[in-house]
PDB file of N, CA and C in Angstrom:
ATOM      1  N   LEU A   1     -46.307 -15.554   8.231  1.00  0.00           N
ATOM      2  CA  LEU A   1     -47.595 -16.218   8.285  1.00  0.00           C
ATOM      3  C   LEU A   1     -47.414 -17.688   8.635  1.00  0.00           C
ATOM      4  N   PRO A   2     -48.354 -18.275   9.356  1.00  0.00           N
ATOM      5  CA  PRO A   2     -48.279 -19.704   9.639  1.00  0.00           C
ATOM      6  C   PRO A   2     -48.386 -20.503   8.345  1.00  0.00           C
ATOM      7  N   SER A   3     -47.808 -21.689   8.346  1.00  0.00           N
ATOM      8  CA  SER A   3     -47.802 -22.533   7.156  1.00  0.00           C
ATOM      9  C   SER A   3     -49.209 -22.788   6.633  1.00  0.00           C
ATOM     10  N   SER A   4     -50.186 -23.031   7.526  1.00  0.00           N
ATOM     11  CA  SER A   4     -51.548 -23.298   7.087  1.00  0.00           C
ATOM     12  C   SER A   4     -52.152 -22.085   6.397  1.00  0.00           C
ATOM     13  N   THR A   5     -51.815 -20.889   6.868  1.00  0.00           N
ATOM     14  CA  THR A   5     -52.307 -19.662   6.232  1.00  0.00           C
ATOM     15  C   THR A   5     -51.681 -19.507   4.855  1.00  0.00           C
ATOM     16  N   ASN A   6     -50.369 -19.741   4.753  1.00  0.00           N
ATOM     17  CA  ASN A   6     -49.696 -19.680   3.457  1.00  0.00           C
ATOM     18  C   ASN A   6     -50.324 -20.657   2.482  1.00  0.00           C
ATOM     19  N   HIS A   7     -50.555 -21.878   2.945  1.00  0.00           N
ATOM     20  CA  HIS A   7     -51.130 -22.901   2.082  1.00  0.00           C
ATOM     21  C   HIS A   7     -52.514 -22.472   1.612  1.00  0.00           C
ATOM     22  N   SER A   8     -53.308 -21.873   2.493  1.00  0.00           N
ATOM     23  CA  SER A   8     -54.645 -21.396   2.126  1.00  0.00           C
ATOM     24  C   SER A   8     -54.567 -20.301   1.080  1.00  0.00           C
ATOM     25  N   ILE A   9     -53.616 -19.384   1.246  1.00  0.00           N
ATOM     26  CA  ILE A   9     -53.455 -18.290   0.289  1.00  0.00           C
ATOM     27  C   ILE A   9     -53.069 -18.842  -1.073  1.00  0.00           C
ATOM     28  N   VAL A  10     -52.098 -19.762  -1.109  1.00  0.00           N
ATOM     29  CA  VAL A  10     -51.671 -20.347  -2.377  1.00  0.00           C
ATOM     30  C   VAL A  10     -52.817 -21.146  -2.995  1.00  0.00           C
ATOM     31  N   SER A  11     -53.506 -21.943  -2.186  1.00  0.00           N
ATOM     32  CA  SER A  11     -54.620 -22.737  -2.702  1.00  0.00           C
ATOM     33  C   SER A  11     -55.717 -21.843  -3.250  1.00  0.00           C
ATOM     34  N   SER A  12     -56.050 -20.785  -2.524  1.00  0.00           N
ATOM     35  CA  SER A  12     -57.088 -19.858  -2.962  1.00  0.00           C
ATOM     36  C   SER A  12     -56.682 -19.177  -4.253  1.00  0.00           C
ATOM     37  N   SER A  13     -55.447 -18.725  -4.314  1.00  0.00           N
ATOM     38  CA  SER A  13     -54.946 -18.056  -5.498  1.00  0.00           C
ATOM     39  C   SER A  13     -54.958 -19.013  -6.693  1.00  0.00           C
ATOM     40  N   ALA A  14     -54.523 -20.249  -6.459  1.00  0.00           N
ATOM     41  CA  ALA A  14     -54.518 -21.246  -7.536  1.00  0.00           C
ATOM     42  C   ALA A  14     -55.929 -21.554  -7.981  1.00  0.00           C
ATOM     43  N   ALA A  15     -56.855 -21.680  -7.046  1.00  0.00           N
ATOM     44  CA  ALA A  15     -58.246 -21.968  -7.390  1.00  0.00           C
ATOM     45  C   ALA A  15     -58.834 -20.837  -8.226  1.00  0.00           C
ATOM     46  N   ASN A  16     -58.553 -19.589  -7.856  1.00  0.00           N
ATOM     47  CA  ASN A  16     -59.048 -18.450  -8.632  1.00  0.00           C
ATOM     48  C   ASN A  16     -58.469 -18.447 -10.034  1.00  0.00           C
ATOM     49  N   SER A  17     -57.180 -18.771 -10.143  1.00  0.00           N
ATOM     50  CA  SER A  17     -56.532 -18.806 -11.443  1.00  0.00           C
ATOM     51  C   SER A  17     -57.143 -19.890 -12.327  1.00  0.00           C
ATOM     52  N   VAL A  18     -57.354 -21.073 -11.750  1.00  0.00           N
ATOM     53  CA  VAL A  18     -57.955 -22.177 -12.506  1.00  0.00           C
ATOM     54  C   VAL A  18     -59.379 -21.812 -12.915  1.00  0.00           C
ATOM     55  N   ALA A  19     -60.132 -21.227 -11.994  1.00  0.00           N
ATOM     56  CA  ALA A  19     -61.516 -20.843 -12.296  1.00  0.00           C
ATOM     57  C   ALA A  19     -61.562 -19.846 -13.444  1.00  0.00           C
ATOM     58  N   SER A  20     -60.660 -18.875 -13.442  1.00  0.00           N
ATOM     59  CA  SER A  20     -60.678 -17.878 -14.514  1.00  0.00           C
ATOM     60  C   SER A  20     -60.311 -18.501 -15.851  1.00  0.00           C
ATOM     61  N   HIS A  21     -59.398 -19.477 -15.849  1.00  0.00           N
ATOM     62  CA  HIS A  21     -59.025 -20.149 -17.091  1.00  0.00           C
ATOM     63  C   HIS A  21     -60.165 -21.019 -17.616  1.00  0.00           C
ATOM     64  N   THR A  22     -60.816 -21.754 -16.741  1.00  0.00           N
ATOM     65  CA  THR A  22     -61.859 -22.675 -17.192  1.00  0.00           C
ATOM     66  C   THR A  22     -63.093 -21.946 -17.675  1.00  0.00           C
ATOM     67  N   SER A  23     -63.313 -20.724 -17.190  1.00  0.00           N
ATOM     68  CA  SER A  23     -64.496 -19.989 -17.624  1.00  0.00           C
ATOM     69  C   SER A  23     -64.289 -19.346 -18.995  1.00  0.00           C
ATOM     70  N   THR A  24     -63.042 -19.225 -19.467  1.00  0.00           N
ATOM     71  CA  THR A  24     -62.786 -18.576 -20.746  1.00  0.00           C
ATOM     72  C   THR A  24     -62.731 -19.553 -21.912  1.00  0.00           C
ATOM     73  N   SER A  25     -62.075 -20.687 -21.752  1.00  0.00           N
ATOM     74  CA  SER A  25     -61.952 -21.620 -22.863  1.00  0.00           C
ATOM     75  C   SER A  25     -61.600 -23.016 -22.363  1.00  0.00           C
ATOM     76  N   ARG A  26     -62.238 -23.995 -22.967  1.00  0.00           N
ATOM     77  CA  ARG A  26     -61.926 -25.387 -22.605  1.00  0.00           C
ATOM     78  C   ARG A  26     -60.831 -25.968 -23.497  1.00  0.00           C
ATOM     79  N   ASP A  27     -60.501 -25.279 -24.585  1.00  0.00           N
ATOM     80  CA  ASP A  27     -59.518 -25.799 -25.544  1.00  0.00           C
ATOM     81  C   ASP A  27     -58.084 -25.406 -25.224  1.00  0.00           C
ATOM     82  N   GLU A  28     -57.914 -24.388 -24.410  1.00  0.00           N
ATOM     83  CA  GLU A  28     -56.575 -23.923 -24.084  1.00  0.00           C
ATOM     84  C   GLU A  28     -56.089 -24.555 -22.788  1.00  0.00           C
ATOM     85  N   PRO A  29     -54.793 -24.916 -22.719  1.00  0.00           N
ATOM     86  CA  PRO A  29     -54.267 -25.498 -21.466  1.00  0.00           C
ATOM     87  C   PRO A  29     -54.287 -24.480 -20.338  1.00  0.00           C
ATOM     88  N   ILE A  30     -54.408 -24.966 -19.129  1.00  0.00           N
ATOM     89  CA  ILE A  30     -54.346 -24.101 -17.952  1.00  0.00           C
ATOM     90  C   ILE A  30     -52.882 -23.985 -17.553  1.00  0.00           C
ATOM     91  N   ALA A  31     -52.283 -22.859 -17.895  1.00  0.00           N
ATOM     92  CA  ALA A  31     -50.871 -22.657 -17.577  1.00  0.00           C
ATOM     93  C   ALA A  31     -50.580 -21.171 -17.498  1.00  0.00           C
ATOM     94  N   ASP A  32     -49.791 -20.799 -16.514  1.00  0.00           N
ATOM     95  CA  ASP A  32     -49.319 -19.430 -16.378  1.00  0.00           C
ATOM     96  C   ASP A  32     -47.804 -19.480 -16.318  1.00  0.00           C
ATOM     97  N   LEU A  33     -47.175 -18.455 -16.835  1.00  0.00           N
ATOM     98  CA  LEU A  33     -45.722 -18.374 -16.834  1.00  0.00           C
ATOM     99  C   LEU A  33     -45.286 -17.388 -15.760  1.00  0.00           C
ATOM    100  N   PHE A  34     -44.416 -17.841 -14.875  1.00  0.00           N
ATOM    101  CA  PHE A  34     -43.817 -16.998 -13.848  1.00  0.00           C
ATOM    102  C   PHE A  34     -42.306 -17.168 -13.962  1.00  0.00           C
ATOM    103  N   PRO A  35     -41.648 -16.330 -14.769  1.00  0.00           N
ATOM    104  CA  PRO A  35     -40.210 -16.499 -15.032  1.00  0.00           C
ATOM    105  C   PRO A  35     -39.335 -16.497 -13.786  1.00  0.00           C
ATOM    106  N   GLU A  36     -39.772 -15.827 -12.716  1.00  0.00           N
ATOM    107  CA  GLU A  36     -38.964 -15.736 -11.507  1.00  0.00           C
ATOM    108  C   GLU A  36     -39.242 -16.874 -10.524  1.00  0.00           C
ATOM    109  N   CYS A  37     -40.107 -17.807 -10.898  1.00  0.00           N
ATOM    110  CA  CYS A  37     -40.510 -18.887 -10.003  1.00  0.00           C
ATOM    111  C   CYS A  37     -39.542 -20.065 -10.074  1.00  0.00           C
ATOM    112  N   THR A  38     -39.243 -20.612  -8.909  1.00  0.00           N
ATOM    113  CA  THR A  38     -38.438 -21.823  -8.813  1.00  0.00           C
ATOM    114  C   THR A  38     -39.182 -22.822  -7.946  1.00  0.00           C
ATOM    115  N   VAL A  39     -39.278 -24.065  -8.417  1.00  0.00           N
ATOM    116  CA  VAL A  39     -39.903 -25.137  -7.648  1.00  0.00           C
ATOM    117  C   VAL A  39     -38.813 -26.137  -7.305  1.00  0.00           C
ATOM    118  N   LEU A  40     -38.735 -26.493  -6.029  1.00  0.00           N
ATOM    119  CA  LEU A  40     -37.733 -27.445  -5.547  1.00  0.00           C
ATOM    120  C   LEU A  40     -38.411 -28.756  -5.183  1.00  0.00           C
ATOM    121  N   PHE A  41     -37.908 -29.838  -5.731  1.00  0.00           N
ATOM    122  CA  PHE A  41     -38.281 -31.190  -5.321  1.00  0.00           C
ATOM    123  C   PHE A  41     -36.998 -31.830  -4.807  1.00  0.00           C
ATOM    124  N   ALA A  42     -36.860 -31.939  -3.490  1.00  0.00           N
ATOM    125  CA  ALA A  42     -35.649 -32.507  -2.898  1.00  0.00           C
ATOM    126  C   ALA A  42     -35.966 -33.911  -2.398  1.00  0.00           C
ATOM    127  N   ASP A  43     -35.339 -34.894  -2.994  1.00  0.00           N
ATOM    128  CA  ASP A  43     -35.573 -36.294  -2.663  1.00  0.00           C
ATOM    129  C   ASP A  43     -34.265 -36.899  -2.173  1.00  0.00           C
ATOM    130  N   ILE A  44     -34.324 -37.712  -1.151  1.00  0.00           N
ATOM    131  CA  ILE A  44     -33.116 -38.313  -0.572  1.00  0.00           C
ATOM    132  C   ILE A  44     -32.759 -39.574  -1.351  1.00  0.00           C
ATOM    133  N   SER A  45     -31.627 -39.534  -2.010  1.00  0.00           N
ATOM    134  CA  SER A  45     -31.165 -40.668  -2.796  1.00  0.00           C
ATOM    135  C   SER A  45     -30.894 -41.873  -1.888  1.00  0.00           C
ATOM    136  N   GLY A  46     -31.449 -43.026  -2.246  1.00  0.00           N
ATOM    137  CA  GLY A  46     -31.227 -44.250  -1.488  1.00  0.00           C
ATOM    138  C   GLY A  46     -32.063 -44.369  -0.228  1.00  0.00           C
ATOM    139  N   PHE A  47     -33.002 -43.452  -0.039  1.00  0.00           N
ATOM    140  CA  PHE A  47     -33.779 -43.426   1.201  1.00  0.00           C
ATOM    141  C   PHE A  47     -34.599 -44.698   1.415  1.00  0.00           C
ATOM    142  N   THR A  48     -35.268 -45.175   0.378  1.00  0.00           N
ATOM    143  CA  THR A  48     -36.130 -46.355   0.534  1.00  0.00           C
ATOM    144  C   THR A  48     -35.328 -47.557   1.000  1.00  0.00           C
ATOM    145  N   ALA A  49     -34.192 -47.803   0.377  1.00  0.00           N
ATOM    146  CA  ALA A  49     -33.350 -48.933   0.785  1.00  0.00           C
ATOM    147  C   ALA A  49     -32.814 -48.728   2.201  1.00  0.00           C
ATOM    148  N   TRP A  50     -32.360 -47.513   2.489  1.00  0.00           N
ATOM    149  CA  TRP A  50     -31.823 -47.216   3.820  1.00  0.00           C
ATOM    150  C   TRP A  50     -32.891 -47.405   4.895  1.00  0.00           C
ATOM    151  N   SER A  51     -34.086 -46.840   4.648  1.00  0.00           N
ATOM    152  CA  SER A  51     -35.136 -46.873   5.665  1.00  0.00           C
ATOM    153  C   SER A  51     -35.716 -48.267   5.872  1.00  0.00           C
ATOM    154  N   SER A  52     -35.579 -49.126   4.874  1.00  0.00           N
ATOM    155  CA  SER A  52     -36.150 -50.473   5.001  1.00  0.00           C
ATOM    156  C   SER A  52     -35.412 -51.345   6.010  1.00  0.00           C
ATOM    157  N   VAL A  53     -34.206 -50.940   6.378  1.00  0.00           N
ATOM    158  CA  VAL A  53     -33.435 -51.726   7.357  1.00  0.00           C
ATOM    159  C   VAL A  53     -33.208 -50.940   8.657  1.00  0.00           C
ATOM    160  N   ARG A  54     -34.026 -49.904   8.885  1.00  0.00           N
ATOM    161  CA  ARG A  54     -33.918 -49.097  10.090  1.00  0.00           C
ATOM    162  C   ARG A  54     -35.199 -49.168  10.899  1.00  0.00           C
ATOM    163  N   GLU A  55     -35.096 -48.855  12.156  1.00  0.00           N
ATOM    164  CA  GLU A  55     -36.261 -48.755  13.020  1.00  0.00           C
ATOM    165  C   GLU A  55     -37.047 -47.493  12.634  1.00  0.00           C
ATOM    166  N   PRO A  56     -38.374 -47.539  12.746  1.00  0.00           N
ATOM    167  CA  PRO A  56     -39.179 -46.356  12.396  1.00  0.00           C
ATOM    168  C   PRO A  56     -38.744 -45.083  13.128  1.00  0.00           C
ATOM    169  N   ALA A  57     -38.362 -45.202  14.382  1.00  0.00           N
ATOM    170  CA  ALA A  57     -37.939 -44.016  15.143  1.00  0.00           C
ATOM    171  C   ALA A  57     -36.688 -43.390  14.540  1.00  0.00           C
ATOM    172  N   GLN A  58     -35.782 -44.209  14.038  1.00  0.00           N
ATOM    173  CA  GLN A  58     -34.559 -43.696  13.423  1.00  0.00           C
ATOM    174  C   GLN A  58     -34.887 -42.978  12.109  1.00  0.00           C
ATOM    175  N   VAL A  59     -35.807 -43.544  11.333  1.00  0.00           N
ATOM    176  CA  VAL A  59     -36.234 -42.920  10.076  1.00  0.00           C
ATOM    177  C   VAL A  59     -36.896 -41.579  10.373  1.00  0.00           C
ATOM    178  N   PHE A  60     -37.797 -41.580  11.332  1.00  0.00           N
ATOM    179  CA  PHE A  60     -38.500 -40.357  11.709  1.00  0.00           C
ATOM    180  C   PHE A  60     -37.522 -39.285  12.158  1.00  0.00           C
ATOM    181  N   LYS A  61     -36.554 -39.660  12.980  1.00  0.00           N
ATOM    182  CA  LYS A  61     -35.586 -38.688  13.500  1.00  0.00           C
ATOM    183  C   LYS A  61     -34.773 -38.066  12.363  1.00  0.00           C
ATOM    184  N   LEU A  62     -34.368 -38.873  11.397  1.00  0.00           N
ATOM    185  CA  LEU A  62     -33.618 -38.340  10.253  1.00  0.00           C
ATOM    186  C   LEU A  62     -34.466 -37.334   9.477  1.00  0.00           C
ATOM    187  N   LEU A  63     -35.704 -37.734   9.129  1.00  0.00           N
ATOM    188  CA  LEU A  63     -36.570 -36.840   8.362  1.00  0.00           C
ATOM    189  C   LEU A  63     -36.890 -35.566   9.136  1.00  0.00           C
ATOM    190  N   GLU A  64     -37.171 -35.699  10.422  1.00  0.00           N
ATOM    191  CA  GLU A  64     -37.473 -34.545  11.252  1.00  0.00           C
ATOM    192  C   GLU A  64     -36.289 -33.577  11.283  1.00  0.00           C
ATOM    193  N   THR A  65     -35.089 -34.092  11.407  1.00  0.00           N
ATOM    194  CA  THR A  65     -33.881 -33.266  11.443  1.00  0.00           C
ATOM    195  C   THR A  65     -33.679 -32.530  10.120  1.00  0.00           C
ATOM    196  N   ILE A  66     -33.815 -33.251   9.026  1.00  0.00           N
ATOM    197  CA  ILE A  66     -33.629 -32.641   7.700  1.00  0.00           C
ATOM    198  C   ILE A  66     -34.713 -31.609   7.427  1.00  0.00           C
ATOM    199  N   TYR A  67     -35.965 -31.965   7.662  1.00  0.00           N
ATOM    200  CA  TYR A  67     -37.071 -31.047   7.380  1.00  0.00           C
ATOM    201  C   TYR A  67     -37.039 -29.816   8.277  1.00  0.00           C
ATOM    202  N   ARG A  68     -36.619 -29.976   9.507  1.00  0.00           N
ATOM    203  CA  ARG A  68     -36.506 -28.819  10.404  1.00  0.00           C
ATOM    204  C   ARG A  68     -35.464 -27.840   9.854  1.00  0.00           C
ATOM    205  N   ALA A  69     -34.343 -28.359   9.370  1.00  0.00           N
ATOM    206  CA  ALA A  69     -33.304 -27.500   8.787  1.00  0.00           C
ATOM    207  C   ALA A  69     -33.815 -26.823   7.511  1.00  0.00           C
ATOM    208  N   PHE A  70     -34.499 -27.579   6.644  1.00  0.00           N
ATOM    209  CA  PHE A  70     -35.074 -27.000   5.427  1.00  0.00           C
ATOM    210  C   PHE A  70     -36.089 -25.917   5.777  1.00  0.00           C
ATOM    211  N   ASP A  71     -36.975 -26.199   6.756  1.00  0.00           N
ATOM    212  CA  ASP A  71     -38.000 -25.229   7.160  1.00  0.00           C
ATOM    213  C   ASP A  71     -37.360 -23.930   7.659  1.00  0.00           C
ATOM    214  N   LYS A  72     -36.304 -24.053   8.432  1.00  0.00           N
ATOM    215  CA  LYS A  72     -35.612 -22.874   8.970  1.00  0.00           C
ATOM    216  C   LYS A  72     -35.033 -22.039   7.824  1.00  0.00           C
ATOM    217  N   LEU A  73     -34.390 -22.700   6.872  1.00  0.00           N
ATOM    218  CA  LEU A  73     -33.834 -21.989   5.717  1.00  0.00           C
ATOM    219  C   LEU A  73     -34.947 -21.371   4.867  1.00  0.00           C
ATOM    220  N   ALA A  74     -36.049 -22.088   4.698  1.00  0.00           N
ATOM    221  CA  ALA A  74     -37.170 -21.576   3.904  1.00  0.00           C
ATOM    222  C   ALA A  74     -37.734 -20.301   4.533  1.00  0.00           C
ATOM    223  N   ARG A  75     -37.950 -20.316   5.841  1.00  0.00           N
ATOM    224  CA  ARG A  75     -38.459 -19.124   6.528  1.00  0.00           C
ATOM    225  C   ARG A  75     -37.489 -17.949   6.366  1.00  0.00           C
ATOM    226  N   LYS A  76     -36.209 -18.232   6.533  1.00  0.00           N
ATOM    227  CA  LYS A  76     -35.189 -17.187   6.439  1.00  0.00           C
ATOM    228  C   LYS A  76     -35.138 -16.573   5.042  1.00  0.00           C
ATOM    229  N   ARG A  77     -35.363 -17.380   4.015  1.00  0.00           N
ATOM    230  CA  ARG A  77     -35.237 -16.929   2.626  1.00  0.00           C
ATOM    231  C   ARG A  77     -36.573 -16.559   1.970  1.00  0.00           C
ATOM    232  N   GLY A  78     -37.682 -16.704   2.703  1.00  0.00           N
ATOM    233  CA  GLY A  78     -38.989 -16.373   2.137  1.00  0.00           C
ATOM    234  C   GLY A  78     -39.491 -17.398   1.134  1.00  0.00           C
ATOM    235  N   VAL A  79     -39.116 -18.637   1.339  1.00  0.00           N
ATOM    236  CA  VAL A  79     -39.537 -19.732   0.459  1.00  0.00           C
ATOM    237  C   VAL A  79     -40.779 -20.388   1.050  1.00  0.00           C
ATOM    238  N   PHE A  80     -41.750 -20.711   0.209  1.00  0.00           N
ATOM    239  CA  PHE A  80     -42.975 -21.359   0.664  1.00  0.00           C
ATOM    240  C   PHE A  80     -42.830 -22.876   0.567  1.00  0.00           C
ATOM    241  N   LYS A  81     -42.950 -23.552   1.710  1.00  0.00           N
ATOM    242  CA  LYS A  81     -42.933 -25.020   1.712  1.00  0.00           C
ATOM    243  C   LYS A  81     -44.318 -25.493   1.298  1.00  0.00           C
ATOM    244  N   VAL A  82     -44.387 -26.207   0.190  1.00  0.00           N
ATOM    245  CA  VAL A  82     -45.663 -26.709  -0.309  1.00  0.00           C
ATOM    246  C   VAL A  82     -46.084 -27.914   0.513  1.00  0.00           C
ATOM    247  N   GLU A  83     -45.200 -28.910   0.606  1.00  0.00           N
ATOM    248  CA  GLU A  83     -45.495 -30.103   1.391  1.00  0.00           C
ATOM    249  C   GLU A  83     -44.280 -31.012   1.440  1.00  0.00           C
ATOM    250  N   THR A  84     -44.386 -32.027   2.285  1.00  0.00           N
ATOM    251  CA  THR A  84     -43.423 -33.112   2.293  1.00  0.00           C
ATOM    252  C   THR A  84     -44.198 -34.385   1.971  1.00  0.00           C
ATOM    253  N   ILE A  85     -43.598 -35.204   1.143  1.00  0.00           N
ATOM    254  CA  ILE A  85     -44.205 -36.470   0.764  1.00  0.00           C
ATOM    255  C   ILE A  85     -43.142 -37.534   0.992  1.00  0.00           C
ATOM    256  N   GLY A  86     -43.288 -38.283   2.086  1.00  0.00           N
ATOM    257  CA  GLY A  86     -42.248 -39.263   2.416  1.00  0.00           C
ATOM    258  C   GLY A  86     -40.928 -38.549   2.616  1.00  0.00           C
ATOM    259  N   ASP A  87     -39.941 -38.891   1.790  1.00  0.00           N
ATOM    260  CA  ASP A  87     -38.628 -38.259   1.899  1.00  0.00           C
ATOM    261  C   ASP A  87     -38.460 -37.114   0.904  1.00  0.00           C
ATOM    262  N   CYS A  88     -39.531 -36.678   0.261  1.00  0.00           N
ATOM    263  CA  CYS A  88     -39.464 -35.585  -0.712  1.00  0.00           C
ATOM    264  C   CYS A  88     -39.986 -34.289  -0.099  1.00  0.00           C
ATOM    265  N   TYR A  89     -39.205 -33.226  -0.236  1.00  0.00           N
ATOM    266  CA  TYR A  89     -39.548 -31.900   0.270  1.00  0.00           C
ATOM    267  C   TYR A  89     -39.844 -31.040  -0.949  1.00  0.00           C
ATOM    268  N   VAL A  90     -41.031 -30.431  -0.973  1.00  0.00           N
ATOM    269  CA  VAL A  90     -41.447 -29.622  -2.113  1.00  0.00           C
ATOM    270  C   VAL A  90     -41.615 -28.178  -1.639  1.00  0.00           C
ATOM    271  N   ALA A  91     -40.945 -27.246  -2.318  1.00  0.00           N
ATOM    272  CA  ALA A  91     -41.008 -25.824  -1.951  1.00  0.00           C
ATOM    273  C   ALA A  91     -41.012 -24.980  -3.218  1.00  0.00           C
ATOM    274  N   VAL A  92     -41.492 -23.742  -3.068  1.00  0.00           N
ATOM    275  CA  VAL A  92     -41.559 -22.834  -4.216  1.00  0.00           C
ATOM    276  C   VAL A  92     -41.222 -21.419  -3.771  1.00  0.00           C
ATOM    277  N   THR A  93     -40.627 -20.660  -4.685  1.00  0.00           N
ATOM    278  CA  THR A  93     -40.344 -19.251  -4.443  1.00  0.00           C
ATOM    279  C   THR A  93     -40.472 -18.499  -5.764  1.00  0.00           C
ATOM    280  N   GLY A  94     -40.680 -17.179  -5.659  1.00  0.00           N
ATOM    281  CA  GLY A  94     -40.756 -16.355  -6.850  1.00  0.00           C
ATOM    282  C   GLY A  94     -42.136 -16.205  -7.442  1.00  0.00           C
ATOM    283  N   LEU A  95     -43.171 -16.697  -6.761  1.00  0.00           N
ATOM    284  CA  LEU A  95     -44.534 -16.507  -7.250  1.00  0.00           C
ATOM    285  C   LEU A  95     -45.035 -15.136  -6.823  1.00  0.00           C
ATOM    286  N   PRO A  96     -45.915 -14.530  -7.641  1.00  0.00           N
ATOM    287  CA  PRO A  96     -46.469 -13.242  -7.218  1.00  0.00           C
ATOM    288  C   PRO A  96     -47.399 -13.413  -6.020  1.00  0.00           C
ATOM    289  N   GLU A  97     -47.543 -12.349  -5.252  1.00  0.00           N
ATOM    290  CA  GLU A  97     -48.464 -12.362  -4.116  1.00  0.00           C
ATOM    291  C   GLU A  97     -49.902 -12.425  -4.635  1.00  0.00           C
ATOM    292  N   PRO A  98     -50.789 -13.153  -3.941  1.00  0.00           N
ATOM    293  CA  PRO A  98     -52.185 -13.232  -4.412  1.00  0.00           C
ATOM    294  C   PRO A  98     -52.911 -11.908  -4.262  1.00  0.00           C
TER     295      PRO A  98
END
């Protein structure tokens, strides 16, 4: 599935889950346990200092190269890329299908 479709499915599933929790009780936290789920937050150590002394094109090329490799591995392994935030790559696997 295209990334935008995956994101829509996850967002829709999350919205339904939140809606079902909020309609039952306001006193209980909204949380579900998925023992097989793994969330990855990959952040590049020293990136801010490194990027502050580089040309924007060089920074972009580094991030593009790293994210392209991560995306390829994610597709191969069935991992859902949630988003990238600056130099942080966020991905998840092991969630049930919606």
